[in-house]
Amino acid sequence: MGAVRFTFIESPIGDLYVAASDQGLTCLLFDQFAHGPDRAGWEPDNGSEILAEARRQLAEYFDHQRTTFDLPLDLRGTPFQLQVWKELTRIPYGATTSYGEIAKQVGNPTGSRAVGAANGRNPVAIVVPCHRVIGAKGDLTGFGGGMARKEWLLKHEGAILTLSLAGVSGLR
């Protein structure tokens, strides 16, 4: 495998840390992330076509011009994590689902907590839309980018109608 290249992309919800191998996007995380891939040996972007395309598609997404992403992915995780992340890509723009529903889809109907753990380790936020997974009762639950960003993304997509960001700084 070739080198992994990274860059930062400005967005309405803060800088995004984005990386790609020659095979596809490996990382899209918020400026403050708790989990993520091992970044040892990664190099600054020097003209990666995948990162340029990610930048273009994300700009379209934030400008309400794109509802799906067409980017190659190079995800690394356990077989279960990969299965959950693949299922996340099937959640349509503007829709939400629960951890329990994802668990049923991956053949583990009692595995909502395991799905939550896999969801929390998703290395490619937004493109693999982990923000679209909510609690069984419709409540917004954990998100690696922070709850204000999750709420912003769901509002942006029209999945929720109200947005309360009182006291939250740094979101445009």
C-alpha atoms as a PDB file:
ATOM      1  CA  MET A   1       0.000   0.000   0.000  1.00  0.00           C
ATOM      2  CA  GLY A   2       1.150   3.527  -0.783  1.00  0.00           C
ATOM      3  CA  ALA A   3       1.423   6.421   1.576  1.00  0.00           C
ATOM      4  CA  VAL A   4      -1.552   7.871   3.347  1.00  0.00           C
ATOM      5  CA  ARG A   5      -1.919  11.597   2.706  1.00  0.00           C
ATOM      6  CA  PHE A   6      -3.892  14.017   4.892  1.00  0.00           C
ATOM      7  CA  THR A   7      -5.265  17.532   4.752  1.00  0.00           C
ATOM      8  CA  PHE A   8      -7.636  19.807   6.636  1.00  0.00           C
ATOM      9  CA  ILE A   9     -10.850  21.003   5.058  1.00  0.00           C
ATOM     10  CA  GLU A  10     -12.776  23.974   6.437  1.00  0.00           C
ATOM     11  CA  SER A  11     -16.481  23.391   6.967  1.00  0.00           C
ATOM     12  CA  PRO A  12     -19.411  25.167   8.620  1.00  0.00           C
ATOM     13  CA  ILE A  13     -18.950  22.892  11.641  1.00  0.00           C
ATOM     14  CA  GLY A  14     -15.195  23.258  12.026  1.00  0.00           C
ATOM     15  CA  ASP A  15     -12.104  21.904  10.375  1.00  0.00           C
ATOM     16  CA  LEU A  16     -12.265  18.345   9.086  1.00  0.00           C
ATOM     17  CA  TYR A  17      -9.180  16.115   9.191  1.00  0.00           C
ATOM     18  CA  VAL A  18      -9.300  14.071   5.981  1.00  0.00           C
ATOM     19  CA  ALA A  19      -6.887  11.356   4.815  1.00  0.00           C
ATOM     20  CA  ALA A  20      -6.687   8.932   1.923  1.00  0.00           C
ATOM     21  CA  SER A  21      -4.553   6.069   0.716  1.00  0.00           C
ATOM     22  CA  ASP A  22      -4.154   5.297  -2.973  1.00  0.00           C
ATOM     23  CA  GLN A  23      -7.220   3.036  -2.617  1.00  0.00           C
ATOM     24  CA  GLY A  24      -9.622   5.466  -0.966  1.00  0.00           C
ATOM     25  CA  LEU A  25     -10.640   7.684   1.904  1.00  0.00           C
ATOM     26  CA  THR A  26      -9.350   6.329   5.212  1.00  0.00           C
ATOM     27  CA  CYS A  27     -10.240   9.116   7.607  1.00  0.00           C
ATOM     28  CA  LEU A  28     -12.651  12.028   7.952  1.00  0.00           C
ATOM     29  CA  LEU A  29     -12.776  13.281  11.494  1.00  0.00           C
ATOM     30  CA  PHE A  30     -13.544  16.518  13.276  1.00  0.00           C
ATOM     31  CA  ASP A  31     -10.821  18.762  14.630  1.00  0.00           C
ATOM     32  CA  GLN A  32     -11.366  17.328  18.105  1.00  0.00           C
ATOM     33  CA  PHE A  33     -11.607  13.564  17.780  1.00  0.00           C
ATOM     34  CA  ALA A  34     -11.304  10.901  20.410  1.00  0.00           C
ATOM     35  CA  HIS A  35     -10.952   7.905  18.124  1.00  0.00           C
ATOM     36  CA  GLY A  36      -9.241   7.451  14.834  1.00  0.00           C
ATOM     37  CA  PRO A  37      -6.765   5.388  12.927  1.00  0.00           C
ATOM     38  CA  ASP A  38      -3.082   5.232  13.752  1.00  0.00           C
ATOM     39  CA  ARG A  39      -1.621   8.220  11.904  1.00  0.00           C
ATOM     40  CA  ALA A  40       2.035   7.227  12.179  1.00  0.00           C
ATOM     41  CA  GLY A  41       3.817   7.774   8.876  1.00  0.00           C
ATOM     42  CA  TRP A  42       1.037   9.812   7.287  1.00  0.00           C
ATOM     43  CA  GLU A  43       2.226  12.618   5.027  1.00  0.00           C
ATOM     44  CA  PRO A  44       0.727  16.010   4.160  1.00  0.00           C
ATOM     45  CA  ASP A  45      -1.309  16.040   0.947  1.00  0.00           C
ATOM     46  CA  ASN A  46       0.671  16.617  -2.213  1.00  0.00           C
ATOM     47  CA  GLY A  47      -2.116  16.536  -4.779  1.00  0.00           C
ATOM     48  CA  SER A  48      -4.114  13.401  -3.985  1.00  0.00           C
ATOM     49  CA  GLU A  49      -7.009  13.114  -6.436  1.00  0.00           C
ATOM     50  CA  ILE A  50      -9.097  11.359  -3.778  1.00  0.00           C
ATOM     51  CA  LEU A  51      -8.600  14.215  -1.298  1.00  0.00           C
ATOM     52  CA  ALA A  52      -9.388  16.801  -3.987  1.00  0.00           C
ATOM     53  CA  GLU A  53     -12.595  14.938  -4.813  1.00  0.00           C
ATOM     54  CA  ALA A  54     -13.475  14.651  -1.112  1.00  0.00           C
ATOM     55  CA  ARG A  55     -13.002  18.416  -0.770  1.00  0.00           C
ATOM     56  CA  ARG A  56     -15.298  19.041  -3.756  1.00  0.00           C
ATOM     57  CA  GLN A  57     -18.010  16.619  -2.616  1.00  0.00           C
ATOM     58  CA  LEU A  58     -17.984  17.921   0.965  1.00  0.00           C
ATOM     59  CA  ALA A  59     -18.350  21.505  -0.298  1.00  0.00           C
ATOM     60  CA  GLU A  60     -21.347  20.377  -2.364  1.00  0.00           C
ATOM     61  CA  TYR A  61     -22.822  18.585   0.656  1.00  0.00           C
ATOM     62  CA  PHE A  62     -22.506  21.662   2.869  1.00  0.00           C
ATOM     63  CA  ASP A  63     -23.988  23.823   0.050  1.00  0.00           C
ATOM     64  CA  HIS A  64     -27.060  21.527  -0.168  1.00  0.00           C
ATOM     65  CA  GLN A  65     -25.992  20.362  -3.641  1.00  0.00           C
ATOM     66  CA  ARG A  66     -25.154  16.752  -2.707  1.00  0.00           C
ATOM     67  CA  THR A  67     -27.087  14.131  -0.759  1.00  0.00           C
ATOM     68  CA  THR A  68     -24.866  11.101  -1.439  1.00  0.00           C
ATOM     69  CA  PHE A  69     -21.122  10.644  -1.668  1.00  0.00           C
ATOM     70  CA  ASP A  70     -19.288   8.847  -4.430  1.00  0.00           C
ATOM     71  CA  LEU A  71     -15.837   8.387  -2.956  1.00  0.00           C
ATOM     72  CA  PRO A  72     -13.721   5.244  -2.796  1.00  0.00           C
ATOM     73  CA  LEU A  73     -13.255   4.090   0.789  1.00  0.00           C
ATOM     74  CA  ASP A  74     -10.319   2.280   2.351  1.00  0.00           C
ATOM     75  CA  LEU A  75     -11.719   1.443   5.765  1.00  0.00           C
ATOM     76  CA  ARG A  76      -9.843  -0.605   8.332  1.00  0.00           C
ATOM     77  CA  GLY A  77     -11.550  -2.303  11.211  1.00  0.00           C
ATOM     78  CA  THR A  78     -12.804  -5.593  12.535  1.00  0.00           C
ATOM     79  CA  PRO A  79     -15.167  -7.618  10.336  1.00  0.00           C
ATOM     80  CA  PHE A  80     -18.066  -6.519  12.562  1.00  0.00           C
ATOM     81  CA  GLN A  81     -17.081  -2.853  12.380  1.00  0.00           C
ATOM     82  CA  LEU A  82     -16.808  -3.049   8.591  1.00  0.00           C
ATOM     83  CA  GLN A  83     -20.251  -4.648   8.436  1.00  0.00           C
ATOM     84  CA  VAL A  84     -21.779  -1.898  10.594  1.00  0.00           C
ATOM     85  CA  TRP A  85     -20.045   0.868   8.623  1.00  0.00           C
ATOM     86  CA  LYS A  86     -21.325  -0.595   5.362  1.00  0.00           C
ATOM     87  CA  GLU A  87     -24.837  -0.610   6.797  1.00  0.00           C
ATOM     88  CA  LEU A  88     -24.453   3.044   7.828  1.00  0.00           C
ATOM     89  CA  THR A  89     -23.854   3.987   4.188  1.00  0.00           C
ATOM     90  CA  ARG A  90     -27.344   2.672   3.411  1.00  0.00           C
ATOM     91  CA  ILE A  91     -29.087   5.215   5.665  1.00  0.00           C
ATOM     92  CA  PRO A  92     -30.541   7.799   3.263  1.00  0.00           C
ATOM     93  CA  TYR A  93     -29.859  11.515   3.490  1.00  0.00           C
ATOM     94  CA  GLY A  94     -32.456  13.159   5.704  1.00  0.00           C
ATOM     95  CA  ALA A  95     -33.328   9.905   7.478  1.00  0.00           C
ATOM     96  CA  THR A  96     -32.353   8.402  10.807  1.00  0.00           C
ATOM     97  CA  THR A  97     -32.351   4.921  12.255  1.00  0.00           C
ATOM     98  CA  SER A  98     -31.617   3.368  15.633  1.00  0.00           C
ATOM     99  CA  TYR A  99     -28.742   1.273  16.914  1.00  0.00           C
ATOM    100  CA  GLY A 100     -31.213  -1.584  17.345  1.00  0.00           C
ATOM    101  CA  GLU A 101     -32.303  -1.377  13.708  1.00  0.00           C
ATOM    102  CA  ILE A 102     -28.694  -1.473  12.526  1.00  0.00           C
ATOM    103  CA  ALA A 103     -28.108  -4.465  14.820  1.00  0.00           C
ATOM    104  CA  LYS A 104     -31.012  -6.299  13.147  1.00  0.00           C
ATOM    105  CA  GLN A 105     -29.672  -5.407   9.690  1.00  0.00           C
ATOM    106  CA  VAL A 106     -26.268  -6.912  10.482  1.00  0.00           C
ATOM    107  CA  GLY A 107     -27.817 -10.093  11.874  1.00  0.00           C
ATOM    108  CA  ASN A 108     -27.277  -9.397  15.577  1.00  0.00           C
ATOM    109  CA  PRO A 109     -30.690  -8.248  16.873  1.00  0.00           C
ATOM    110  CA  THR A 110     -29.510  -7.984  20.490  1.00  0.00           C
ATOM    111  CA  GLY A 111     -26.290  -6.206  19.578  1.00  0.00           C
ATOM    112  CA  SER A 112     -27.296  -2.548  19.778  1.00  0.00           C
ATOM    113  CA  ARG A 113     -24.457  -1.790  22.204  1.00  0.00           C
ATOM    114  CA  ALA A 114     -21.923  -3.464  19.904  1.00  0.00           C
ATOM    115  CA  VAL A 115     -23.337  -1.423  17.027  1.00  0.00           C
ATOM    116  CA  GLY A 116     -22.967   1.704  19.159  1.00  0.00           C
ATOM    117  CA  ALA A 117     -19.326   0.862  19.820  1.00  0.00           C
ATOM    118  CA  ALA A 118     -18.647   0.232  16.113  1.00  0.00           C
ATOM    119  CA  ASN A 119     -20.516   3.405  15.210  1.00  0.00           C
ATOM    120  CA  GLY A 120     -18.336   5.342  17.637  1.00  0.00           C
ATOM    121  CA  ARG A 121     -15.193   4.017  15.943  1.00  0.00           C
ATOM    122  CA  ASN A 122     -16.283   5.053  12.448  1.00  0.00           C
ATOM    123  CA  PRO A 123     -13.161   6.667  10.931  1.00  0.00           C
ATOM    124  CA  VAL A 124     -14.998   8.419   8.066  1.00  0.00           C
ATOM    125  CA  ALA A 125     -17.664  10.710   9.543  1.00  0.00           C
ATOM    126  CA  ILE A 126     -20.287  12.324   7.295  1.00  0.00           C
ATOM    127  CA  VAL A 127     -19.424  10.124   4.275  1.00  0.00           C
ATOM    128  CA  VAL A 128     -20.185   7.037   6.396  1.00  0.00           C
ATOM    129  CA  PRO A 129     -23.088   8.788   8.123  1.00  0.00           C
ATOM    130  CA  CYS A 130     -22.865   7.655  11.735  1.00  0.00           C
ATOM    131  CA  HIS A 131     -24.607  10.906  12.725  1.00  0.00           C
ATOM    132  CA  ARG A 132     -27.855   9.440  11.321  1.00  0.00           C
ATOM    133  CA  VAL A 133     -28.029   6.814  14.092  1.00  0.00           C
ATOM    134  CA  ILE A 134     -30.136   7.877  17.073  1.00  0.00           C
ATOM    135  CA  GLY A 135     -31.580   6.270  20.176  1.00  0.00           C
ATOM    136  CA  ALA A 136     -34.560   3.902  20.013  1.00  0.00           C
ATOM    137  CA  LYS A 137     -36.855   6.597  21.421  1.00  0.00           C
ATOM    138  CA  GLY A 138     -35.675   9.201  18.937  1.00  0.00           C
ATOM    139  CA  ASP A 139     -33.185  10.839  21.267  1.00  0.00           C
ATOM    140  CA  LEU A 140     -29.840  12.113  20.018  1.00  0.00           C
ATOM    141  CA  THR A 141     -27.117   9.961  21.509  1.00  0.00           C
ATOM    142  CA  GLY A 142     -23.321  10.031  21.489  1.00  0.00           C
ATOM    143  CA  PHE A 143     -21.302  11.360  18.579  1.00  0.00           C
ATOM    144  CA  GLY A 144     -17.516  11.577  18.296  1.00  0.00           C
ATOM    145  CA  GLY A 145     -17.749  15.070  16.826  1.00  0.00           C
ATOM    146  CA  GLY A 146     -19.897  16.299  19.694  1.00  0.00           C
ATOM    147  CA  MET A 147     -23.635  16.509  20.109  1.00  0.00           C
ATOM    148  CA  ALA A 148     -23.899  20.043  18.679  1.00  0.00           C
ATOM    149  CA  ARG A 149     -22.323  18.838  15.422  1.00  0.00           C
ATOM    150  CA  LYS A 150     -24.599  15.801  15.273  1.00  0.00           C
ATOM    151  CA  GLU A 151     -27.619  18.026  15.751  1.00  0.00           C
ATOM    152  CA  TRP A 152     -26.302  20.478  13.117  1.00  0.00           C
ATOM    153  CA  LEU A 153     -25.775  17.687  10.561  1.00  0.00           C
ATOM    154  CA  LEU A 154     -29.243  16.240  11.132  1.00  0.00           C
ATOM    155  CA  LYS A 155     -30.789  19.723  10.847  1.00  0.00           C
ATOM    156  CA  HIS A 156     -28.748  20.392   7.688  1.00  0.00           C
ATOM    157  CA  GLU A 157     -30.149  17.211   6.153  1.00  0.00           C
ATOM    158  CA  GLY A 158     -33.690  17.979   7.282  1.00  0.00           C
ATOM    159  CA  ALA A 159     -33.828  14.952   9.587  1.00  0.00           C
ATOM    160  CA  ILE A 160     -34.754  17.130  12.568  1.00  0.00           C
ATOM    161  CA  LEU A 161     -36.615  20.406  12.461  1.00  0.00           C
ATOM    162  CA  THR A 162     -35.297  22.280  15.470  1.00  0.00           C
ATOM    163  CA  LEU A 163     -31.807  23.287  16.389  1.00  0.00           C
ATOM    164  CA  SER A 164     -30.758  24.597  19.764  1.00  0.00           C
ATOM    165  CA  LEU A 165     -27.151  25.697  19.863  1.00  0.00           C
ATOM    166  CA  ALA A 166     -27.395  28.205  22.691  1.00  0.00           C
ATOM    167  CA  GLY A 167     -24.066  28.425  24.402  1.00  0.00           C
ATOM    168  CA  VAL A 168     -22.235  26.418  21.728  1.00  0.00           C
ATOM    169  CA  SER A 169     -19.355  28.294  20.171  1.00  0.00           C
ATOM    170  CA  GLY A 170     -17.399  27.554  17.053  1.00  0.00           C
ATOM    171  CA  LEU A 171     -20.322  26.483  14.850  1.00  0.00           C
ATOM    172  CA  ARG A 172     -21.253  28.740  11.948  1.00  0.00           C
END
